[in-house]
Amino acid sequence: MEDIRSKQLEVLGEAKDYCIKVLHSIDTVIPELKGAKKDDTDEYLRMTVDAINNTLEMYNATRTIVKEYSDIDETEVNKAVGKLGAALKGSVDKDKAAALEDIKDFIRAYGEAAKNITEA
C-alpha cells in the first residue's frame, strides 16, 4: 500500500508542473480558435487535447490522495470533458474554445492540489 502511495506522490510531483504547461497550451490555442487561426492551430489543438487527456490520466491515478486534500467536483469535470468531446466532434472552433475554457478550472485545481500535497 505504501508503494502505491509513493508512486502517486511521484505522479503528483510531475503533475504540478505539467498542469502549468497544459494551462499555457490552452491559453495559447483559445484565441486562435476564436478567430486568430494559424496554419498549425489544428495540430496544436490536438497536442493540447492530448495533454488534457494525460492530465486526466494522472488525476485518475492519484485521485485517492487528491480527494483527501481537494474538493475537485468530479461531476463538473465530467461535464467539462463531455462538452470538450462533443465540441471536438463538431467543426465550430468557438465551441472548442468555450469547452477548453471550461476544462481549465479542473486543470488549475488539480495542479494546485498536486502542489499542496507534494509541498506539505
C-alpha atoms as a PDB file:
ATOM      1  CA  MET A   1       0.000   0.000   0.000  1.00  0.00           C
ATOM      2  CA  GLU A   2       2.852   2.354   0.833  1.00  0.00           C
ATOM      3  CA  ASP A   3       4.393   1.610  -2.573  1.00  0.00           C
ATOM      4  CA  ILE A   4       1.213   2.755  -4.339  1.00  0.00           C
ATOM      5  CA  ARG A   5       1.096   5.944  -2.310  1.00  0.00           C
ATOM      6  CA  SER A   6       4.741   6.736  -3.083  1.00  0.00           C
ATOM      7  CA  LYS A   7       4.055   6.238  -6.807  1.00  0.00           C
ATOM      8  CA  GLN A   8       1.024   8.508  -6.536  1.00  0.00           C
ATOM      9  CA  LEU A   9       3.160  11.168  -4.847  1.00  0.00           C
ATOM     10  CA  GLU A  10       5.692  10.839  -7.651  1.00  0.00           C
ATOM     11  CA  VAL A  11       2.948  11.420 -10.235  1.00  0.00           C
ATOM     12  CA  LEU A  12       1.685  14.416  -8.264  1.00  0.00           C
ATOM     13  CA  GLY A  13       5.193  15.844  -8.272  1.00  0.00           C
ATOM     14  CA  GLU A  14       5.149  15.721 -12.047  1.00  0.00           C
ATOM     15  CA  ALA A  15       1.549  16.936 -12.275  1.00  0.00           C
ATOM     16  CA  LYS A  16       2.127  20.247 -10.512  1.00  0.00           C
ATOM     17  CA  ASP A  17       4.457  21.489 -13.268  1.00  0.00           C
ATOM     18  CA  TYR A  18       2.660  19.663 -16.075  1.00  0.00           C
ATOM     19  CA  CYS A  19      -0.630  21.409 -15.279  1.00  0.00           C
ATOM     20  CA  ILE A  20       1.061  24.803 -15.672  1.00  0.00           C
ATOM     21  CA  LYS A  21       2.235  23.791 -19.140  1.00  0.00           C
ATOM     22  CA  VAL A  22      -1.207  22.467 -20.087  1.00  0.00           C
ATOM     23  CA  LEU A  23      -2.850  25.711 -18.962  1.00  0.00           C
ATOM     24  CA  HIS A  24      -0.358  27.652 -21.084  1.00  0.00           C
ATOM     25  CA  SER A  25      -1.212  25.481 -24.107  1.00  0.00           C
ATOM     26  CA  ILE A  26      -4.922  26.025 -23.545  1.00  0.00           C
ATOM     27  CA  ASP A  27      -4.427  29.778 -23.187  1.00  0.00           C
ATOM     28  CA  THR A  28      -2.416  29.805 -26.413  1.00  0.00           C
ATOM     29  CA  VAL A  29      -4.898  27.865 -28.544  1.00  0.00           C
ATOM     30  CA  ILE A  30      -8.131  29.528 -27.333  1.00  0.00           C
ATOM     31  CA  PRO A  31      -7.527  32.890 -29.087  1.00  0.00           C
ATOM     32  CA  GLU A  32      -6.588  31.025 -32.252  1.00  0.00           C
ATOM     33  CA  LEU A  33      -9.872  29.108 -32.132  1.00  0.00           C
ATOM     34  CA  LYS A  34     -11.783  32.341 -31.534  1.00  0.00           C
ATOM     35  CA  GLY A  35     -10.615  33.822 -34.816  1.00  0.00           C
ATOM     36  CA  ALA A  36      -6.848  34.269 -34.928  1.00  0.00           C
ATOM     37  CA  LYS A  37      -6.385  30.831 -36.507  1.00  0.00           C
ATOM     38  CA  LYS A  38      -2.937  29.912 -37.758  1.00  0.00           C
ATOM     39  CA  ASP A  39      -1.748  27.191 -40.108  1.00  0.00           C
ATOM     40  CA  ASP A  40      -0.822  24.932 -37.198  1.00  0.00           C
ATOM     41  CA  THR A  41      -3.819  25.629 -34.929  1.00  0.00           C
ATOM     42  CA  ASP A  42      -5.477  22.256 -35.554  1.00  0.00           C
ATOM     43  CA  GLU A  43      -2.246  20.387 -34.804  1.00  0.00           C
ATOM     44  CA  TYR A  44      -1.648  22.489 -31.696  1.00  0.00           C
ATOM     45  CA  LEU A  45      -5.214  21.804 -30.576  1.00  0.00           C
ATOM     46  CA  ARG A  46      -4.625  18.064 -30.994  1.00  0.00           C
ATOM     47  CA  MET A  47      -1.475  18.258 -28.881  1.00  0.00           C
ATOM     48  CA  THR A  48      -3.320  20.322 -26.263  1.00  0.00           C
ATOM     49  CA  VAL A  49      -6.132  17.769 -26.091  1.00  0.00           C
ATOM     50  CA  ASP A  50      -3.541  15.002 -25.725  1.00  0.00           C
ATOM     51  CA  ALA A  51      -2.052  16.936 -22.801  1.00  0.00           C
ATOM     52  CA  ILE A  52      -5.505  17.317 -21.226  1.00  0.00           C
ATOM     53  CA  ASN A  53      -6.040  13.571 -21.585  1.00  0.00           C
ATOM     54  CA  ASN A  54      -2.672  12.930 -19.942  1.00  0.00           C
ATOM     55  CA  THR A  55      -3.690  15.208 -17.076  1.00  0.00           C
ATOM     56  CA  LEU A  56      -6.952  13.299 -16.644  1.00  0.00           C
ATOM     57  CA  GLU A  57      -4.998  10.032 -16.540  1.00  0.00           C
ATOM     58  CA  MET A  58      -2.681  11.492 -13.903  1.00  0.00           C
ATOM     59  CA  TYR A  59      -5.683  12.600 -11.877  1.00  0.00           C
ATOM     60  CA  ASN A  60      -7.312   9.187 -12.116  1.00  0.00           C
ATOM     61  CA  ALA A  61      -4.084   7.556 -10.909  1.00  0.00           C
ATOM     62  CA  THR A  62      -3.850   9.920  -7.924  1.00  0.00           C
ATOM     63  CA  ARG A  63      -7.457  10.709  -7.099  1.00  0.00           C
ATOM     64  CA  THR A  64      -7.478   8.821  -3.784  1.00  0.00           C
ATOM     65  CA  ILE A  65      -4.832  11.185  -2.419  1.00  0.00           C
ATOM     66  CA  VAL A  66      -6.208  14.261  -4.168  1.00  0.00           C
ATOM     67  CA  LYS A  67      -9.671  13.691  -2.683  1.00  0.00           C
ATOM     68  CA  GLU A  68      -8.110  13.864   0.790  1.00  0.00           C
ATOM     69  CA  TYR A  69      -6.787  17.386   0.122  1.00  0.00           C
ATOM     70  CA  SER A  70      -9.015  18.909  -2.543  1.00  0.00           C
ATOM     71  CA  ASP A  71     -12.667  19.446  -3.310  1.00  0.00           C
ATOM     72  CA  ILE A  72     -12.455  18.886  -7.069  1.00  0.00           C
ATOM     73  CA  ASP A  73     -16.024  18.340  -8.232  1.00  0.00           C
ATOM     74  CA  GLU A  74     -15.847  15.261 -10.429  1.00  0.00           C
ATOM     75  CA  THR A  75     -19.362  15.860 -11.720  1.00  0.00           C
ATOM     76  CA  GLU A  76     -18.240  19.225 -13.087  1.00  0.00           C
ATOM     77  CA  VAL A  77     -15.083  17.679 -14.501  1.00  0.00           C
ATOM     78  CA  ASN A  78     -17.141  15.024 -16.282  1.00  0.00           C
ATOM     79  CA  LYS A  79     -19.432  17.717 -17.718  1.00  0.00           C
ATOM     80  CA  ALA A  80     -16.450  19.703 -18.967  1.00  0.00           C
ATOM     81  CA  VAL A  81     -14.885  16.591 -20.517  1.00  0.00           C
ATOM     82  CA  GLY A  82     -18.187  15.704 -22.190  1.00  0.00           C
ATOM     83  CA  LYS A  83     -18.537  19.235 -23.548  1.00  0.00           C
ATOM     84  CA  LEU A  84     -14.996  19.131 -24.895  1.00  0.00           C
ATOM     85  CA  GLY A  85     -15.591  15.751 -26.532  1.00  0.00           C
ATOM     86  CA  ALA A  86     -18.752  16.982 -28.214  1.00  0.00           C
ATOM     87  CA  ALA A  87     -17.070  20.189 -29.391  1.00  0.00           C
ATOM     88  CA  LEU A  88     -14.148  18.261 -30.846  1.00  0.00           C
ATOM     89  CA  LYS A  89     -16.529  16.100 -32.866  1.00  0.00           C
ATOM     90  CA  GLY A  90     -18.025  19.232 -34.366  1.00  0.00           C
ATOM     91  CA  SER A  91     -16.479  21.811 -36.645  1.00  0.00           C
ATOM     92  CA  VAL A  92     -17.222  25.020 -34.732  1.00  0.00           C
ATOM     93  CA  ASP A  93     -13.955  26.392 -33.391  1.00  0.00           C
ATOM     94  CA  LYS A  94     -15.676  28.787 -30.961  1.00  0.00           C
ATOM     95  CA  ASP A  95     -17.375  25.796 -29.295  1.00  0.00           C
ATOM     96  CA  LYS A  96     -13.962  24.158 -28.917  1.00  0.00           C
ATOM     97  CA  ALA A  97     -12.620  27.345 -27.324  1.00  0.00           C
ATOM     98  CA  ALA A  98     -15.551  27.502 -24.884  1.00  0.00           C
ATOM     99  CA  ALA A  99     -15.081  23.858 -23.927  1.00  0.00           C
ATOM    100  CA  LEU A 100     -11.374  24.436 -23.309  1.00  0.00           C
ATOM    101  CA  GLU A 101     -12.260  27.366 -21.043  1.00  0.00           C
ATOM    102  CA  ASP A 102     -14.452  25.017 -19.006  1.00  0.00           C
ATOM    103  CA  ILE A 103     -11.745  22.387 -18.561  1.00  0.00           C
ATOM    104  CA  LYS A 104      -9.244  24.986 -17.310  1.00  0.00           C
ATOM    105  CA  ASP A 105     -10.854  25.060 -13.853  1.00  0.00           C
ATOM    106  CA  PHE A 106     -10.106  21.373 -13.377  1.00  0.00           C
ATOM    107  CA  ILE A 107      -6.523  21.636 -14.672  1.00  0.00           C
ATOM    108  CA  ARG A 108      -5.879  24.596 -12.372  1.00  0.00           C
ATOM    109  CA  ALA A 109      -7.443  22.893  -9.329  1.00  0.00           C
ATOM    110  CA  TYR A 110      -5.563  19.652  -9.927  1.00  0.00           C
ATOM    111  CA  GLY A 111      -2.272  21.499 -10.324  1.00  0.00           C
ATOM    112  CA  GLU A 112      -2.870  23.384  -7.084  1.00  0.00           C
ATOM    113  CA  ALA A 113      -3.796  20.171  -5.269  1.00  0.00           C
ATOM    114  CA  ALA A 114      -0.673  18.459  -6.599  1.00  0.00           C
ATOM    115  CA  LYS A 115       1.459  21.368  -5.423  1.00  0.00           C
ATOM    116  CA  ASN A 116      -0.143  21.494  -1.983  1.00  0.00           C
ATOM    117  CA  ILE A 117       0.174  17.753  -1.463  1.00  0.00           C
ATOM    118  CA  THR A 118       3.782  17.469  -2.595  1.00  0.00           C
ATOM    119  CA  GLU A 119       4.909  20.527  -0.667  1.00  0.00           C
ATOM    120  CA  ALA A 120       3.090  19.589   2.554  1.00  0.00           C
END
